[in-house]
PDB file of N, CA and C in Angstrom:
ATOM      1  N   MET A   1      86.606 111.816  90.564  1.00  0.00           N
ATOM      2  CA  MET A   1      85.687 110.789  90.124  1.00  0.00           C
ATOM      3  C   MET A   1      84.397 111.472  89.686  1.00  0.00           C
ATOM      4  N   GLU A   2      83.870 111.081  88.560  1.00  0.00           N
ATOM      5  CA  GLU A   2      82.636 111.664  88.038  1.00  0.00           C
ATOM      6  C   GLU A   2      81.424 111.152  88.813  1.00  0.00           C
ATOM      7  N   GLN A   3      80.374 111.959  88.820  1.00  0.00           N
ATOM      8  CA  GLN A   3      79.165 111.606  89.557  1.00  0.00           C
ATOM      9  C   GLN A   3      78.592 110.267  89.101  1.00  0.00           C
ATOM     10  N   LYS A   4      78.615 109.993  87.805  1.00  0.00           N
ATOM     11  CA  LYS A   4      78.054 108.726  87.319  1.00  0.00           C
ATOM     12  C   LYS A   4      78.831 107.532  87.873  1.00  0.00           C
ATOM     13  N   ASP A   5      80.151 107.686  88.040  1.00  0.00           N
ATOM     14  CA  ASP A   5      80.967 106.609  88.612  1.00  0.00           C
ATOM     15  C   ASP A   5      80.678 106.434  90.095  1.00  0.00           C
ATOM     16  N   ILE A   6      80.516 107.557  90.810  1.00  0.00           N
ATOM     17  CA  ILE A   6      80.155 107.485  92.223  1.00  0.00           C
ATOM     18  C   ILE A   6      78.821 106.777  92.367  1.00  0.00           C
ATOM     19  N   LEU A   7      77.888 107.086  91.489  1.00  0.00           N
ATOM     20  CA  LEU A   7      76.557 106.485  91.534  1.00  0.00           C
ATOM     21  C   LEU A   7      76.617 104.976  91.325  1.00  0.00           C
ATOM     22  N   VAL A   8      77.407 104.520  90.368  1.00  0.00           N
ATOM     23  CA  VAL A   8      77.541 103.081  90.120  1.00  0.00           C
ATOM     24  C   VAL A   8      78.166 102.397  91.332  1.00  0.00           C
ATOM     25  N   ALA A   9      79.219 102.998  91.904  1.00  0.00           N
ATOM     26  CA  ALA A   9      79.859 102.417  93.090  1.00  0.00           C
ATOM     27  C   ALA A   9      78.876 102.380  94.255  1.00  0.00           C
ATOM     28  N   LEU A  10      78.080 103.421  94.408  1.00  0.00           N
ATOM     29  CA  LEU A  10      77.080 103.458  95.473  1.00  0.00           C
ATOM     30  C   LEU A  10      76.047 102.356  95.290  1.00  0.00           C
ATOM     31  N   GLU A  11      75.627 102.110  94.066  1.00  0.00           N
ATOM     32  CA  GLU A  11      74.672 101.036  93.803  1.00  0.00           C
ATOM     33  C   GLU A  11      75.259  99.666  94.141  1.00  0.00           C
ATOM     34  N   ILE A  12      76.548  99.493  93.910  1.00  0.00           N
ATOM     35  CA  ILE A  12      77.211  98.242  94.295  1.00  0.00           C
ATOM     36  C   ILE A  12      77.206  98.103  95.811  1.00  0.00           C
ATOM     37  N   LEU A  13      77.495  99.202  96.529  1.00  0.00           N
ATOM     38  CA  LEU A  13      77.491  99.166  97.987  1.00  0.00           C
ATOM     39  C   LEU A  13      76.103  98.868  98.551  1.00  0.00           C
ATOM     40  N   ILE A  14      75.076  99.348  97.901  1.00  0.00           N
ATOM     41  CA  ILE A  14      73.707  99.075  98.354  1.00  0.00           C
ATOM     42  C   ILE A  14      73.444  97.573  98.316  1.00  0.00           C
ATOM     43  N   LYS A  15      73.935  96.930  97.272  1.00  0.00           N
ATOM     44  CA  LYS A  15      73.721  95.483  97.120  1.00  0.00           C
ATOM     45  C   LYS A  15      74.639  94.669  98.021  1.00  0.00           C
ATOM     46  N   THR A  16      75.827  95.198  98.317  1.00  0.00           N
ATOM     47  CA  THR A  16      76.807  94.477  99.138  1.00  0.00           C
ATOM     48  C   THR A  16      77.393  95.423 100.196  1.00  0.00           C
ATOM     49  N   PRO A  17      76.592  95.829 101.178  1.00  0.00           N
ATOM     50  CA  PRO A  17      77.072  96.803 102.171  1.00  0.00           C
ATOM     51  C   PRO A  17      78.235  96.298 103.017  1.00  0.00           C
ATOM     52  N   ASP A  18      78.478  94.990 103.047  1.00  0.00           N
ATOM     53  CA  ASP A  18      79.604  94.461 103.810  1.00  0.00           C
ATOM     54  C   ASP A  18      80.948  94.954 103.261  1.00  0.00           C
ATOM     55  N   LEU A  19      80.964  95.440 102.016  1.00  0.00           N
ATOM     56  CA  LEU A  19      82.195  95.994 101.455  1.00  0.00           C
ATOM     57  C   LEU A  19      82.679  97.195 102.261  1.00  0.00           C
ATOM     58  N   ILE A  20      81.752  97.884 102.902  1.00  0.00           N
ATOM     59  CA  ILE A  20      82.112  99.071 103.670  1.00  0.00           C
ATOM     60  C   ILE A  20      83.071  98.715 104.796  1.00  0.00           C
ATOM     61  N   ALA A  21      82.967  97.511 105.332  1.00  0.00           N
ATOM     62  CA  ALA A  21      83.873  97.085 106.407  1.00  0.00           C
ATOM     63  C   ALA A  21      85.324  97.053 105.934  1.00  0.00           C
ATOM     64  N   GLN A  22      85.537  96.991 104.633  1.00  0.00           N
ATOM     65  CA  GLN A  22      86.887  96.968 104.076  1.00  0.00           C
ATOM     66  C   GLN A  22      87.445  98.371 103.876  1.00  0.00           C
ATOM     67  N   LEU A  23      86.667  99.372 104.221  1.00  0.00           N
ATOM     68  CA  LEU A  23      87.060 100.756 104.030  1.00  0.00           C
ATOM     69  C   LEU A  23      88.109 101.170 105.062  1.00  0.00           C
ATOM     70  N   PRO A  24      89.338 101.427 104.627  1.00  0.00           N
ATOM     71  CA  PRO A  24      90.399 101.758 105.583  1.00  0.00           C
ATOM     72  C   PRO A  24      90.371 103.236 105.963  1.00  0.00           C
ATOM     73  N   LEU A  25      89.305 103.639 106.640  1.00  0.00           N
ATOM     74  CA  LEU A  25      89.153 105.041 107.009  1.00  0.00           C
ATOM     75  C   LEU A  25      89.065 105.186 108.514  1.00  0.00           C
ATOM     76  N   LEU A  26      88.478 106.276 108.916  1.00  0.00           N
ATOM     77  CA  LEU A  26      88.289 106.534 110.333  1.00  0.00           C
ATOM     78  C   LEU A  26      87.321 105.511 110.914  1.00  0.00           C
ATOM     79  N   PRO A  27      87.518 105.153 112.171  1.00  0.00           N
ATOM     80  CA  PRO A  27      86.587 104.201 112.797  1.00  0.00           C
ATOM     81  C   PRO A  27      85.158 104.731 112.714  1.00  0.00           C
ATOM     82  N   ASN A  28      84.240 103.842 112.483  1.00  0.00           N
ATOM     83  CA  ASN A  28      82.850 104.256 112.331  1.00  0.00           C
ATOM     84  C   ASN A  28      81.944 103.379 113.172  1.00  0.00           C
ATOM     85  N   SER A  29      81.034 104.016 113.865  1.00  0.00           N
ATOM     86  CA  SER A  29      79.895 103.289 114.421  1.00  0.00           C
ATOM     87  C   SER A  29      78.708 103.802 113.622  1.00  0.00           C
ATOM     88  N   ASN A  30      77.821 102.913 113.260  1.00  0.00           N
ATOM     89  CA  ASN A  30      76.694 103.310 112.422  1.00  0.00           C
ATOM     90  C   ASN A  30      75.854 104.326 113.187  1.00  0.00           C
ATOM     91  N   PHE A  31      76.114 105.591 112.898  1.00  0.00           N
ATOM     92  CA  PHE A  31      75.589 106.713 113.666  1.00  0.00           C
ATOM     93  C   PHE A  31      74.423 107.369 112.947  1.00  0.00           C
ATOM     94  N   PRO A  32      73.262 107.496 113.613  1.00  0.00           N
ATOM     95  CA  PRO A  32      72.119 108.169 112.981  1.00  0.00           C
ATOM     96  C   PRO A  32      72.436 109.651 112.747  1.00  0.00           C
ATOM     97  N   THR A  33      71.998 110.167 111.612  1.00  0.00           N
ATOM     98  CA  THR A  33      72.207 111.577 111.279  1.00  0.00           C
ATOM     99  C   THR A  33      70.861 112.204 110.927  1.00  0.00           C
ATOM    100  N   LEU A  34      70.891 113.496 110.673  1.00  0.00           N
ATOM    101  CA  LEU A  34      69.685 114.196 110.231  1.00  0.00           C
ATOM    102  C   LEU A  34      69.576 114.221 108.710  1.00  0.00           C
ATOM    103  N   GLY A  35      70.506 113.600 108.015  1.00  0.00           N
ATOM    104  CA  GLY A  35      70.435 113.491 106.564  1.00  0.00           C
ATOM    105  C   GLY A  35      71.223 114.531 105.803  1.00  0.00           C
ATOM    106  N   GLY A  36      71.773 115.513 106.493  1.00  0.00           N
ATOM    107  CA  GLY A  36      72.645 116.478 105.824  1.00  0.00           C
ATOM    108  C   GLY A  36      71.953 117.584 105.082  1.00  0.00           C
ATOM    109  N   ASN A  37      70.942 118.173 105.671  1.00  0.00           N
ATOM    110  CA  ASN A  37      70.202 119.224 104.977  1.00  0.00           C
ATOM    111  C   ASN A  37      70.891 120.578 104.992  1.00  0.00           C
ATOM    112  N   PHE A  38      71.870 120.799 105.891  1.00  0.00           N
ATOM    113  CA  PHE A  38      72.458 122.129 106.010  1.00  0.00           C
ATOM    114  C   PHE A  38      73.925 122.194 105.603  1.00  0.00           C
ATOM    115  N   PHE A  39      74.745 121.332 106.129  1.00  0.00           N
ATOM    116  CA  PHE A  39      76.182 121.451 105.918  1.00  0.00           C
ATOM    117  C   PHE A  39      76.747 120.460 104.921  1.00  0.00           C
ATOM    118  N   TRP A  40      75.896 119.716 104.230  1.00  0.00           N
ATOM    119  CA  TRP A  40      76.352 118.633 103.367  1.00  0.00           C
ATOM    120  C   TRP A  40      75.870 118.816 101.942  1.00  0.00           C
ATOM    121  N   ASN A  41      76.758 118.509 101.001  1.00  0.00           N
ATOM    122  CA  ASN A  41      76.439 118.515  99.577  1.00  0.00           C
ATOM    123  C   ASN A  41      76.371 117.056  99.121  1.00  0.00           C
ATOM    124  N   THR A  42      75.256 116.646  98.569  1.00  0.00           N
ATOM    125  CA  THR A  42      75.109 115.272  98.093  1.00  0.00           C
ATOM    126  C   THR A  42      75.795 115.135  96.741  1.00  0.00           C
ATOM    127  N   LEU A  43      76.779 114.244  96.673  1.00  0.00           N
ATOM    128  CA  LEU A  43      77.521 114.005  95.431  1.00  0.00           C
ATOM    129  C   LEU A  43      76.827 112.991  94.547  1.00  0.00           C
ATOM    130  N   ALA A  44      76.158 112.019  95.165  1.00  0.00           N
ATOM    131  CA  ALA A  44      75.406 110.996  94.422  1.00  0.00           C
ATOM    132  C   ALA A  44      74.390 110.386  95.378  1.00  0.00           C
ATOM    133  N   GLN A  45      73.277 109.934  94.792  1.00  0.00           N
ATOM    134  CA  GLN A  45      72.207 109.335  95.597  1.00  0.00           C
ATOM    135  C   GLN A  45      71.547 108.217  94.804  1.00  0.00           C
ATOM    136  N   SER A  46      71.278 107.090  95.489  1.00  0.00           N
ATOM    137  CA  SER A  46      70.591 105.967  94.866  1.00  0.00           C
ATOM    138  C   SER A  46      69.822 105.207  95.937  1.00  0.00           C
ATOM    139  N   ASN A  47      68.548 104.999  95.704  1.00  0.00           N
ATOM    140  CA  ASN A  47      67.685 104.257  96.634  1.00  0.00           C
ATOM    141  C   ASN A  47      67.819 104.736  98.072  1.00  0.00           C
ATOM    142  N   GLY A  48      67.966 106.030  98.245  1.00  0.00           N
ATOM    143  CA  GLY A  48      68.067 106.612  99.570  1.00  0.00           C
ATOM    144  C   GLY A  48      69.476 106.664 100.126  1.00  0.00           C
ATOM    145  N   TRP A  49      70.413 105.905  99.561  1.00  0.00           N
ATOM    146  CA  TRP A  49      71.812 105.949  99.999  1.00  0.00           C
ATOM    147  C   TRP A  49      72.455 107.185  99.365  1.00  0.00           C
ATOM    148  N   ARG A  50      73.382 107.831 100.103  1.00  0.00           N
ATOM    149  CA  ARG A  50      74.015 109.038  99.600  1.00  0.00           C
ATOM    150  C   ARG A  50      75.505 109.076  99.938  1.00  0.00           C
ATOM    151  N   VAL A  51      76.252 109.664  99.023  1.00  0.00           N
ATOM    152  CA  VAL A  51      77.630 110.053  99.292  1.00  0.00           C
ATOM    153  C   VAL A  51      77.589 111.567  99.420  1.00  0.00           C
ATOM    154  N   GLN A  52      78.040 112.088 100.563  1.00  0.00           N
ATOM    155  CA  GLN A  52      77.971 113.515 100.820  1.00  0.00           C
ATOM    156  C   GLN A  52      79.335 114.070 101.198  1.00  0.00           C
ATOM    157  N   ARG A  53      79.527 115.376 100.875  1.00  0.00           N
ATOM    158  CA  ARG A  53      80.747 116.098 101.252  1.00  0.00           C
ATOM    159  C   ARG A  53      80.338 117.262 102.145  1.00  0.00           C
ATOM    160  N   ASN A  54      81.070 117.441 103.243  1.00  0.00           N
ATOM    161  CA  ASN A  54      80.784 118.530 104.171  1.00  0.00           C
ATOM    162  C   ASN A  54      81.232 119.847 103.556  1.00  0.00           C
ATOM    163  N   ASN A  55      80.351 120.849 103.566  1.00  0.00           N
ATOM    164  CA  ASN A  55      80.647 122.151 102.962  1.00  0.00           C
ATOM    165  C   ASN A  55      81.723 122.925 103.707  1.00  0.00           C
ATOM    166  N   ILE A  56      81.951 122.612 104.965  1.00  0.00           N
ATOM    167  CA  ILE A  56      82.926 123.349 105.765  1.00  0.00           C
ATOM    168  C   ILE A  56      84.268 122.620 105.822  1.00  0.00           C
ATOM    169  N   THR A  57      84.241 121.345 106.190  1.00  0.00           N
ATOM    170  CA  THR A  57      85.492 120.603 106.387  1.00  0.00           C
ATOM    171  C   THR A  57      85.980 119.882 105.136  1.00  0.00           C
ATOM    172  N   GLY A  58      85.071 119.562 104.215  1.00  0.00           N
ATOM    173  CA  GLY A  58      85.443 118.851 102.996  1.00  0.00           C
ATOM    174  C   GLY A  58      85.493 117.347 103.142  1.00  0.00           C
ATOM    175  N   HIS A  59      85.293 116.830 104.364  1.00  0.00           N
ATOM    176  CA  HIS A  59      85.310 115.370 104.496  1.00  0.00           C
ATOM    177  C   HIS A  59      83.996 114.795 103.971  1.00  0.00           C
ATOM    178  N   CYS A  60      83.991 113.506 103.716  1.00  0.00           N
ATOM    179  CA  CYS A  60      82.843 112.850 103.102  1.00  0.00           C
ATOM    180  C   CYS A  60      82.283 111.768 104.008  1.00  0.00           C
ATOM    181  N   ARG A  61      81.073 111.370 103.697  1.00  0.00           N
ATOM    182  CA  ARG A  61      80.439 110.278 104.419  1.00  0.00           C
ATOM    183  C   ARG A  61      79.496 109.547 103.480  1.00  0.00           C
ATOM    184  N   ILE A  62      79.195 108.301 103.853  1.00  0.00           N
ATOM    185  CA  ILE A  62      78.219 107.492 103.123  1.00  0.00           C
ATOM    186  C   ILE A  62      77.080 107.228 104.087  1.00  0.00           C
ATOM    187  N   LEU A  63      75.871 107.628 103.676  1.00  0.00           N
ATOM    188  CA  LEU A  63      74.668 107.408 104.482  1.00  0.00           C
ATOM    189  C   LEU A  63      73.815 106.348 103.828  1.00  0.00           C
ATOM    190  N   ASP A  64      73.161 105.520 104.653  1.00  0.00           N
ATOM    191  CA  ASP A  64      72.232 104.546 104.084  1.00  0.00           C
ATOM    192  C   ASP A  64      70.842 105.167 103.945  1.00  0.00           C
ATOM    193  N   ASN A  65      69.876 104.365 103.562  1.00  0.00           N
ATOM    194  CA  ASN A  65      68.534 104.873 103.284  1.00  0.00           C
ATOM    195  C   ASN A  65      67.766 105.280 104.542  1.00  0.00           C
ATOM    196  N   GLU A  66      68.347 105.054 105.713  1.00  0.00           N
ATOM    197  CA  GLU A  66      67.720 105.485 106.966  1.00  0.00           C
ATOM    198  C   GLU A  66      68.517 106.619 107.617  1.00  0.00           C
ATOM    199  N   ASN A  67      69.372 107.296 106.842  1.00  0.00           N
ATOM    200  CA  ASN A  67      70.221 108.396 107.306  1.00  0.00           C
ATOM    201  C   ASN A  67      71.215 107.970 108.378  1.00  0.00           C
ATOM    202  N   VAL A  68      71.654 106.728 108.313  1.00  0.00           N
ATOM    203  CA  VAL A  68      72.674 106.231 109.232  1.00  0.00           C
ATOM    204  C   VAL A  68      74.026 106.324 108.522  1.00  0.00           C
ATOM    205  N   ARG A  69      75.001 106.942 109.205  1.00  0.00           N
ATOM    206  CA  ARG A  69      76.338 107.052 108.627  1.00  0.00           C
ATOM    207  C   ARG A  69      76.998 105.688 108.649  1.00  0.00           C
ATOM    208  N   ARG A  70      77.303 105.169 107.459  1.00  0.00           N
ATOM    209  CA  ARG A  70      77.935 103.856 107.331  1.00  0.00           C
ATOM    210  C   ARG A  70      79.448 103.952 107.212  1.00  0.00           C
ATOM    211  N   ALA A  71      79.954 105.103 106.749  1.00  0.00           N
ATOM    212  CA  ALA A  71      81.403 105.303 106.616  1.00  0.00           C
ATOM    213  C   ALA A  71      81.667 106.796 106.496  1.00  0.00           C
ATOM    214  N   TRP A  72      82.894 107.191 106.859  1.00  0.00           N
ATOM    215  CA  TRP A  72      83.284 108.587 106.704  1.00  0.00           C
ATOM    216  C   TRP A  72      84.791 108.698 106.656  1.00  0.00           C
ATOM    217  N   GLY A  73      85.268 109.809 106.120  1.00  0.00           N
ATOM    218  CA  GLY A  73      86.701 110.044 106.035  1.00  0.00           C
ATOM    219  C   GLY A  73      86.995 111.167 105.071  1.00  0.00           C
ATOM    220  N   GLY A  74      88.253 111.343 104.774  1.00  0.00           N
ATOM    221  CA  GLY A  74      88.655 112.374 103.824  1.00  0.00           C
ATOM    222  C   GLY A  74      88.096 112.090 102.441  1.00  0.00           C
ATOM    223  N   GLU A  75      87.889 113.148 101.684  1.00  0.00           N
ATOM    224  CA  GLU A  75      87.312 112.987 100.340  1.00  0.00           C
ATOM    225  C   GLU A  75      88.176 112.082  99.466  1.00  0.00           C
ATOM    226  N   LYS A  76      89.488 112.265  99.513  1.00  0.00           N
ATOM    227  CA  LYS A  76      90.377 111.452  98.682  1.00  0.00           C
ATOM    228  C   LYS A  76      90.241 109.970  99.026  1.00  0.00           C
ATOM    229  N   ALA A  77      90.218 109.656 100.318  1.00  0.00           N
ATOM    230  CA  ALA A  77      90.104 108.254 100.746  1.00  0.00           C
ATOM    231  C   ALA A  77      88.760 107.646 100.342  1.00  0.00           C
ATOM    232  N   ILE A  78      87.685 108.396 100.501  1.00  0.00           N
ATOM    233  CA  ILE A  78      86.358 107.893 100.112  1.00  0.00           C
ATOM    234  C   ILE A  78      86.316 107.651  98.604  1.00  0.00           C
ATOM    235  N   MET A  79      86.844 108.586  97.816  1.00  0.00           N
ATOM    236  CA  MET A  79      86.823 108.442  96.362  1.00  0.00           C
ATOM    237  C   MET A  79      87.697 107.281  95.904  1.00  0.00           C
ATOM    238  N   GLU A  80      88.835 107.071  96.562  1.00  0.00           N
ATOM    239  CA  GLU A  80      89.687 105.925  96.222  1.00  0.00           C
ATOM    240  C   GLU A  80      88.958 104.617  96.517  1.00  0.00           C
ATOM    241  N   PHE A  81      88.275 104.562  97.658  1.00  0.00           N
ATOM    242  CA  PHE A  81      87.524 103.368  97.994  1.00  0.00           C
ATOM    243  C   PHE A  81      86.413 103.122  96.978  1.00  0.00           C
ATOM    244  N   LEU A  82      85.659 104.168  96.624  1.00  0.00           N
ATOM    245  CA  LEU A  82      84.589 104.011  95.645  1.00  0.00           C
ATOM    246  C   LEU A  82      85.151 103.554  94.303  1.00  0.00           C
ATOM    247  N   GLY A  83      86.334 104.040  93.955  1.00  0.00           N
ATOM    248  CA  GLY A  83      86.990 103.571  92.730  1.00  0.00           C
ATOM    249  C   GLY A  83      87.310 102.095  92.790  1.00  0.00           C
ATOM    250  N   LYS A  84      87.749 101.620  93.954  1.00  0.00           N
ATOM    251  CA  LYS A  84      88.025 100.189  94.109  1.00  0.00           C
ATOM    252  C   LYS A  84      86.741  99.377  94.034  1.00  0.00           C
ATOM    253  N   VAL A  85      85.680  99.882  94.632  1.00  0.00           N
ATOM    254  CA  VAL A  85      84.376  99.195  94.540  1.00  0.00           C
ATOM    255  C   VAL A  85      83.956  99.111  93.078  1.00  0.00           C
ATOM    256  N   LEU A  86      84.110 100.193  92.373  1.00  0.00           N
ATOM    257  CA  LEU A  86      83.725 100.267  90.960  1.00  0.00           C
ATOM    258  C   LEU A  86      84.518  99.280  90.109  1.00  0.00           C
ATOM    259  N   ASN A  87      85.783  99.075  90.460  1.00  0.00           N
ATOM    260  CA  ASN A  87      86.649  98.182  89.693  1.00  0.00           C
ATOM    261  C   ASN A  87      86.683  96.759  90.245  1.00  0.00           C
ATOM    262  N   GLY A  88      85.854  96.477  91.268  1.00  0.00           N
ATOM    263  CA  GLY A  88      85.771  95.127  91.806  1.00  0.00           C
ATOM    264  C   GLY A  88      86.955  94.712  92.643  1.00  0.00           C
ATOM    265  N   ILE A  89      87.704  95.676  93.179  1.00  0.00           N
ATOM    266  CA  ILE A  89      88.898  95.360  93.955  1.00  0.00           C
ATOM    267  C   ILE A  89      88.592  95.232  95.432  1.00  0.00           C
ATOM    268  N   ALA A  90      87.629  96.016  95.924  1.00  0.00           N
ATOM    269  CA  ALA A  90      87.341  96.035  97.372  1.00  0.00           C
ATOM    270  C   ALA A  90      86.806  94.705  97.835  1.00  0.00           C
TER     271      ALA A  90
END
């Protein structure tokens, strides 16, 4: 998925964060983070929300504007979900 597509999907999630509950990934509790300054590569960012990939494990996460992890899972699963958000399926 291209960065511009990730960005559009992220902007949709910002407006409708309840879509994240439909994410069939690993169980998530909204966990505070440090924002990913060391082990994370930001794939897209909008209004403080970020989609990040871990430099070591390759898994991804979605952080809100307060650095709270809203979702996480394998890169393929996160990208498939963002694709569904982008296409209005989620």
